Amino acid sequence: MIAGELSEEIRARADSLQVADTTQATLATAGVSAGLTAPADGALGKESETGQLGLVVGLVLLLVLAYAAPIMIGIASPIHLLIAAFALYEAWKLNKGGEPRVTGPYRAAPSAAPA
């Protein structure tokens, strides 16, 4: 849902920029000045940097929400929290591994008899 909303917002922003450019071009050909000015070269770079920063902040926020979601659900439904805790405990037991044992060097092939 979040990705869908973000893509719709990006499409809406692109559409509004296209309409603004079309309106400005139409007014310029008609010889009317509506106070719309083309952005300076630096303004486009700042918008791009702001967009990239917004993307990074959004991804971090999404990651935090993903980690916090089970706890937030567990507050509303404690049985869900108990089930998730039991599942994590069982997964930990299965994946904790064992202590490696080294029993000595072995020869890969028998040595040749001296002639």
N, C-alpha and C. Protein backbone atom coordinates (compact mmCIF):
# COMPACT_ATOMS: atom_id res chain seq x y z
N MET A 1 0.82 -1.18 0.00
CA MET A 1 0.00 0.00 0.00
C MET A 1 0.87 1.26 0.00
N ILE A 2 1.94 1.22 0.77
CA ILE A 2 2.81 2.40 0.87
C ILE A 2 3.48 2.66 -0.48
N ALA A 3 3.97 1.59 -1.11
CA ALA A 3 4.62 1.77 -2.42
C ALA A 3 3.64 2.29 -3.46
N GLY A 4 2.39 1.82 -3.40
CA GLY A 4 1.37 2.29 -4.34
C GLY A 4 1.08 3.77 -4.16
N GLU A 5 0.97 4.20 -2.91
CA GLU A 5 0.72 5.61 -2.64
C GLU A 5 1.90 6.48 -3.07
N LEU A 6 3.12 5.99 -2.83
CA LEU A 6 4.29 6.76 -3.25
C LEU A 6 4.36 6.89 -4.77
N SER A 7 4.04 5.82 -5.49
CA SER A 7 4.07 5.91 -6.95
C SER A 7 2.99 6.84 -7.48
N GLU A 8 1.81 6.85 -6.84
CA GLU A 8 0.76 7.77 -7.26
C GLU A 8 1.18 9.23 -7.00
N GLU A 9 1.86 9.46 -5.87
CA GLU A 9 2.33 10.82 -5.57
C GLU A 9 3.37 11.28 -6.58
N ILE A 10 4.26 10.37 -6.96
CA ILE A 10 5.29 10.73 -7.95
C ILE A 10 4.64 11.03 -9.29
N ARG A 11 3.64 10.20 -9.69
CA ARG A 11 2.94 10.46 -10.95
C ARG A 11 2.20 11.80 -10.91
N ALA A 12 1.57 12.11 -9.78
CA ALA A 12 0.85 13.37 -9.66
C ALA A 12 1.81 14.56 -9.75
N ARG A 13 2.97 14.43 -9.13
CA ARG A 13 3.96 15.52 -9.18
C ARG A 13 4.44 15.71 -10.62
N ALA A 14 4.70 14.60 -11.33
CA ALA A 14 5.15 14.70 -12.71
C ALA A 14 4.07 15.33 -13.58
N ASP A 15 2.80 14.94 -13.36
CA ASP A 15 1.70 15.52 -14.12
C ASP A 15 1.57 17.02 -13.86
N SER A 16 1.72 17.43 -12.60
CA SER A 16 1.58 18.86 -12.28
C SER A 16 2.73 19.66 -12.89
N LEU A 17 3.94 19.09 -12.92
CA LEU A 17 5.06 19.78 -13.55
C LEU A 17 4.84 19.91 -15.05
N GLN A 18 4.28 18.87 -15.67
CA GLN A 18 4.00 18.91 -17.10
C GLN A 18 2.94 19.96 -17.41
N VAL A 19 1.90 20.05 -16.59
CA VAL A 19 0.85 21.04 -16.80
C VAL A 19 1.42 22.45 -16.62
N ALA A 20 2.27 22.63 -15.62
CA ALA A 20 2.88 23.95 -15.39
C ALA A 20 3.74 24.36 -16.57
N ASP A 21 4.52 23.43 -17.13
CA ASP A 21 5.35 23.73 -18.29
C ASP A 21 4.49 24.06 -19.50
N THR A 22 3.41 23.30 -19.71
CA THR A 22 2.52 23.55 -20.84
C THR A 22 1.85 24.91 -20.70
N THR A 23 1.40 25.24 -19.49
CA THR A 23 0.75 26.53 -19.24
C THR A 23 1.72 27.67 -19.48
N GLN A 24 2.93 27.52 -19.00
CA GLN A 24 3.93 28.57 -19.18
C GLN A 24 4.25 28.75 -20.67
N ALA A 25 4.37 27.66 -21.40
CA ALA A 25 4.66 27.76 -22.84
C ALA A 25 3.50 28.42 -23.58
N THR A 26 2.26 28.09 -23.20
CA THR A 26 1.08 28.68 -23.84
C THR A 26 1.03 30.17 -23.57
N LEU A 27 1.28 30.56 -22.33
CA LEU A 27 1.26 31.99 -21.98
C LEU A 27 2.38 32.74 -22.67
N ALA A 28 3.52 32.10 -22.82
CA ALA A 28 4.66 32.76 -23.46
C ALA A 28 4.38 32.99 -24.94
N THR A 29 3.73 32.05 -25.60
CA THR A 29 3.41 32.23 -27.02
C THR A 29 2.32 33.27 -27.20
N ALA A 30 1.45 33.42 -26.20
CA ALA A 30 0.38 34.42 -26.29
C ALA A 30 0.89 35.81 -25.90
N GLY A 31 2.11 35.88 -25.33
CA GLY A 31 2.67 37.16 -24.95
C GLY A 31 2.17 37.63 -23.59
N VAL A 32 1.65 36.74 -22.79
CA VAL A 32 1.12 37.11 -21.47
C VAL A 32 2.11 36.60 -20.43
N SER A 33 2.40 37.43 -19.46
CA SER A 33 3.26 37.02 -18.37
C SER A 33 2.41 36.80 -17.14
N ALA A 34 2.38 35.57 -16.65
CA ALA A 34 1.55 35.25 -15.48
C ALA A 34 2.40 35.13 -14.22
N GLY A 35 3.62 35.55 -14.28
CA GLY A 35 4.47 35.46 -13.10
C GLY A 35 5.12 34.08 -12.97
N LEU A 36 4.91 33.21 -13.95
CA LEU A 36 5.55 31.91 -13.91
C LEU A 36 6.92 32.05 -14.52
N THR A 37 7.91 31.65 -13.80
CA THR A 37 9.28 31.73 -14.30
C THR A 37 9.89 30.35 -14.29
N ALA A 38 10.80 30.14 -15.19
CA ALA A 38 11.50 28.86 -15.25
C ALA A 38 12.46 28.79 -14.07
N PRO A 39 12.58 27.64 -13.43
CA PRO A 39 13.49 27.53 -12.31
C PRO A 39 14.93 27.65 -12.77
N ALA A 40 15.75 28.18 -11.88
CA ALA A 40 17.17 28.30 -12.18
C ALA A 40 17.80 26.92 -12.21
N ASP A 41 18.97 26.81 -12.80
CA ASP A 41 19.63 25.52 -12.89
C ASP A 41 19.88 24.92 -11.52
N GLY A 42 20.23 25.74 -10.54
CA GLY A 42 20.49 25.25 -9.18
C GLY A 42 19.24 24.72 -8.52
N ALA A 43 18.07 25.26 -8.89
CA ALA A 43 16.83 24.82 -8.25
C ALA A 43 16.50 23.39 -8.64
N LEU A 44 16.79 23.00 -9.87
CA LEU A 44 16.53 21.62 -10.28
C LEU A 44 17.41 20.65 -9.52
N GLY A 45 18.65 21.00 -9.29
CA GLY A 45 19.56 20.15 -8.53
C GLY A 45 19.11 19.99 -7.10
N LYS A 46 18.63 21.08 -6.48
CA LYS A 46 18.16 21.01 -5.10
C LYS A 46 16.92 20.13 -5.00
N GLU A 47 16.04 20.23 -5.99
CA GLU A 47 14.83 19.40 -5.96
C GLU A 47 15.22 17.93 -6.06
N SER A 48 16.22 17.62 -6.88
CA SER A 48 16.68 16.25 -7.02
C SER A 48 17.31 15.76 -5.73
N GLU A 49 18.13 16.61 -5.08
CA GLU A 49 18.74 16.23 -3.81
C GLU A 49 17.68 16.03 -2.75
N THR A 50 16.67 16.90 -2.73
CA THR A 50 15.59 16.78 -1.76
C THR A 50 14.82 15.49 -2.01
N GLY A 51 14.60 15.15 -3.26
CA GLY A 51 13.92 13.91 -3.59
C GLY A 51 14.70 12.69 -3.14
N GLN A 52 16.01 12.72 -3.32
CA GLN A 52 16.85 11.60 -2.90
C GLN A 52 16.89 11.50 -1.38
N LEU A 53 16.97 12.63 -0.70
CA LEU A 53 16.96 12.63 0.76
C LEU A 53 15.62 12.12 1.27
N GLY A 54 14.55 12.54 0.63
CA GLY A 54 13.22 12.06 1.01
C GLY A 54 13.09 10.56 0.82
N LEU A 55 13.68 10.05 -0.24
CA LEU A 55 13.65 8.61 -0.49
C LEU A 55 14.39 7.85 0.60
N VAL A 56 15.58 8.34 0.98
CA VAL A 56 16.36 7.69 2.02
C VAL A 56 15.62 7.73 3.36
N VAL A 57 15.07 8.90 3.69
CA VAL A 57 14.32 9.02 4.94
C VAL A 57 13.10 8.10 4.92
N GLY A 58 12.42 8.02 3.79
CA GLY A 58 11.27 7.13 3.67
C GLY A 58 11.63 5.68 3.84
N LEU A 59 12.75 5.25 3.26
CA LEU A 59 13.18 3.87 3.40
C LEU A 59 13.57 3.54 4.84
N VAL A 60 14.24 4.47 5.51
CA VAL A 60 14.59 4.26 6.92
C VAL A 60 13.33 4.16 7.76
N LEU A 61 12.37 5.04 7.50
CA LEU A 61 11.11 5.01 8.23
C LEU A 61 10.37 3.70 8.00
N LEU A 62 10.39 3.21 6.77
CA LEU A 62 9.75 1.94 6.44
C LEU A 62 10.43 0.78 7.16
N LEU A 63 11.75 0.81 7.26
CA LEU A 63 12.49 -0.22 7.98
C LEU A 63 12.15 -0.21 9.46
N VAL A 64 12.09 0.97 10.05
CA VAL A 64 11.73 1.10 11.47
C VAL A 64 10.31 0.59 11.69
N LEU A 65 9.41 0.91 10.79
CA LEU A 65 8.03 0.44 10.91
C LEU A 65 7.97 -1.08 10.79
N ALA A 66 8.77 -1.66 9.92
CA ALA A 66 8.78 -3.12 9.76
C ALA A 66 9.26 -3.81 11.03
N TYR A 67 10.25 -3.24 11.71
CA TYR A 67 10.73 -3.83 12.95
C TYR A 67 9.76 -3.59 14.11
N ALA A 68 9.06 -2.48 14.10
CA ALA A 68 8.16 -2.15 15.19
C ALA A 68 6.78 -2.77 15.05
N ALA A 69 6.41 -3.20 13.85
CA ALA A 69 5.05 -3.72 13.60
C ALA A 69 4.68 -4.90 14.50
N PRO A 70 5.53 -5.91 14.68
CA PRO A 70 5.12 -7.01 15.55
C PRO A 70 4.86 -6.57 16.99
N ILE A 71 5.64 -5.62 17.48
CA ILE A 71 5.43 -5.13 18.84
C ILE A 71 4.14 -4.34 18.93
N MET A 72 3.88 -3.50 17.91
CA MET A 72 2.64 -2.71 17.92
C MET A 72 1.42 -3.63 17.83
N ILE A 73 1.51 -4.69 17.03
CA ILE A 73 0.41 -5.64 16.94
C ILE A 73 0.27 -6.40 18.25
N GLY A 74 1.41 -6.73 18.87
CA GLY A 74 1.40 -7.46 20.14
C GLY A 74 0.75 -6.69 21.27
N ILE A 75 0.83 -5.37 21.22
CA ILE A 75 0.17 -4.55 22.24
C ILE A 75 -1.34 -4.70 22.12
N ALA A 76 -1.83 -4.72 20.88
CA ALA A 76 -3.27 -4.85 20.67
C ALA A 76 -3.74 -6.29 20.85
N SER A 77 -2.88 -7.26 20.54
CA SER A 77 -3.25 -8.67 20.63
C SER A 77 -2.11 -9.43 21.30
N PRO A 78 -2.14 -9.57 22.62
CA PRO A 78 -1.03 -10.21 23.33
C PRO A 78 -0.77 -11.66 22.92
N ILE A 79 -1.79 -12.39 22.50
CA ILE A 79 -1.57 -13.78 22.09
C ILE A 79 -0.69 -13.84 20.84
N HIS A 80 -0.82 -12.85 19.96
CA HIS A 80 0.04 -12.79 18.78
C HIS A 80 1.49 -12.60 19.19
N LEU A 81 1.72 -11.77 20.18
CA LEU A 81 3.08 -11.53 20.67
C LEU A 81 3.67 -12.81 21.27
N LEU A 82 2.87 -13.58 21.99
CA LEU A 82 3.34 -14.85 22.55
C LEU A 82 3.68 -15.86 21.45
N ILE A 83 2.85 -15.92 20.42
CA ILE A 83 3.12 -16.84 19.31
C ILE A 83 4.41 -16.44 18.59
N ALA A 84 4.59 -15.16 18.33
CA ALA A 84 5.80 -14.68 17.66
C ALA A 84 7.04 -14.95 18.52
N ALA A 85 6.94 -14.75 19.83
CA ALA A 85 8.07 -15.00 20.73
C ALA A 85 8.43 -16.48 20.73
N PHE A 86 7.42 -17.36 20.78
CA PHE A 86 7.68 -18.80 20.76
C PHE A 86 8.33 -19.20 19.44
N ALA A 87 7.87 -18.65 18.33
CA ALA A 87 8.44 -18.96 17.02
C ALA A 87 9.90 -18.51 16.94
N LEU A 88 10.20 -17.34 17.45
CA LEU A 88 11.58 -16.85 17.44
C LEU A 88 12.48 -17.72 18.31
N TYR A 89 11.97 -18.17 19.46
CA TYR A 89 12.74 -19.03 20.35
C TYR A 89 13.05 -20.36 19.67
N GLU A 90 12.07 -20.96 19.03
CA GLU A 90 12.28 -22.22 18.34
C GLU A 90 13.27 -22.06 17.18
N ALA A 91 13.15 -20.98 16.44
CA ALA A 91 14.09 -20.73 15.34
C ALA A 91 15.50 -20.54 15.87
N TRP A 92 15.64 -19.87 17.01
CA TRP A 92 16.96 -19.67 17.61
C TRP A 92 17.56 -21.01 18.02
N LYS A 93 16.75 -21.89 18.61
CA LYS A 93 17.25 -23.20 19.03
C LYS A 93 17.72 -24.01 17.82
N LEU A 94 16.98 -23.94 16.74
CA LEU A 94 17.36 -24.71 15.55
C LEU A 94 18.63 -24.17 14.89
N ASN A 95 18.85 -22.88 14.97
CA ASN A 95 19.94 -22.25 14.22
C ASN A 95 21.15 -21.87 15.07
N LYS A 96 21.15 -22.20 16.35
CA LYS A 96 22.27 -21.74 17.17
C LYS A 96 23.57 -22.47 16.85
N GLY A 97 23.48 -23.65 16.26
CA GLY A 97 24.68 -24.36 15.83
C GLY A 97 25.33 -25.10 16.98
N GLY A 98 26.30 -25.89 16.64
CA GLY A 98 27.02 -26.67 17.64
C GLY A 98 28.47 -26.24 17.71
N GLU A 99 29.15 -26.81 18.67
CA GLU A 99 30.57 -26.49 18.83
C GLU A 99 31.37 -27.33 17.84
N PRO A 100 32.19 -26.71 17.01
CA PRO A 100 32.96 -27.50 16.03
C PRO A 100 34.05 -28.33 16.73
N ARG A 101 34.20 -29.58 16.31
CA ARG A 101 35.23 -30.45 16.87
C ARG A 101 36.21 -30.82 15.76
N VAL A 102 37.47 -30.63 16.03
CA VAL A 102 38.52 -30.99 15.09
C VAL A 102 39.24 -32.19 15.69
N THR A 103 39.25 -33.32 15.01
CA THR A 103 39.82 -34.54 15.57
C THR A 103 41.20 -34.89 15.03
N GLY A 104 41.78 -34.02 14.27
CA GLY A 104 43.16 -34.26 13.86
C GLY A 104 43.37 -34.20 12.38
N PRO A 105 44.62 -34.11 12.00
CA PRO A 105 44.91 -34.08 10.57
C PRO A 105 44.77 -35.49 9.97
N TYR A 106 44.19 -35.56 8.84
CA TYR A 106 44.03 -36.83 8.12
C TYR A 106 44.78 -36.73 6.80
N ARG A 107 45.28 -37.85 6.35
CA ARG A 107 45.96 -37.87 5.06
C ARG A 107 44.93 -38.06 3.97
N ALA A 108 45.10 -37.30 2.89
CA ALA A 108 44.19 -37.39 1.78
C ALA A 108 44.41 -38.65 0.97
N ALA A 109 45.66 -39.09 0.87
CA ALA A 109 46.00 -40.30 0.11
C ALA A 109 47.14 -41.02 0.85
N PRO A 110 47.19 -42.32 0.74
CA PRO A 110 48.31 -43.02 1.42
C PRO A 110 49.63 -42.62 0.77
N SER A 111 50.68 -42.62 1.58
CA SER A 111 51.98 -42.23 1.05
C SER A 111 52.56 -43.39 0.21
N ALA A 112 53.35 -43.04 -0.76
CA ALA A 112 53.97 -44.06 -1.62
C ALA A 112 55.06 -44.77 -0.86
N ALA A 113 55.20 -46.07 -1.10
CA ALA A 113 56.23 -46.88 -0.41
C ALA A 113 57.60 -46.52 -0.97
N PRO A 114 58.62 -46.41 -0.13
CA PRO A 114 59.96 -46.10 -0.65
C PRO A 114 60.51 -47.29 -1.45
N ALA A 115 61.25 -46.98 -2.48
CA ALA A 115 61.76 -48.03 -3.36
C ALA A 115 63.12 -48.50 -3.01
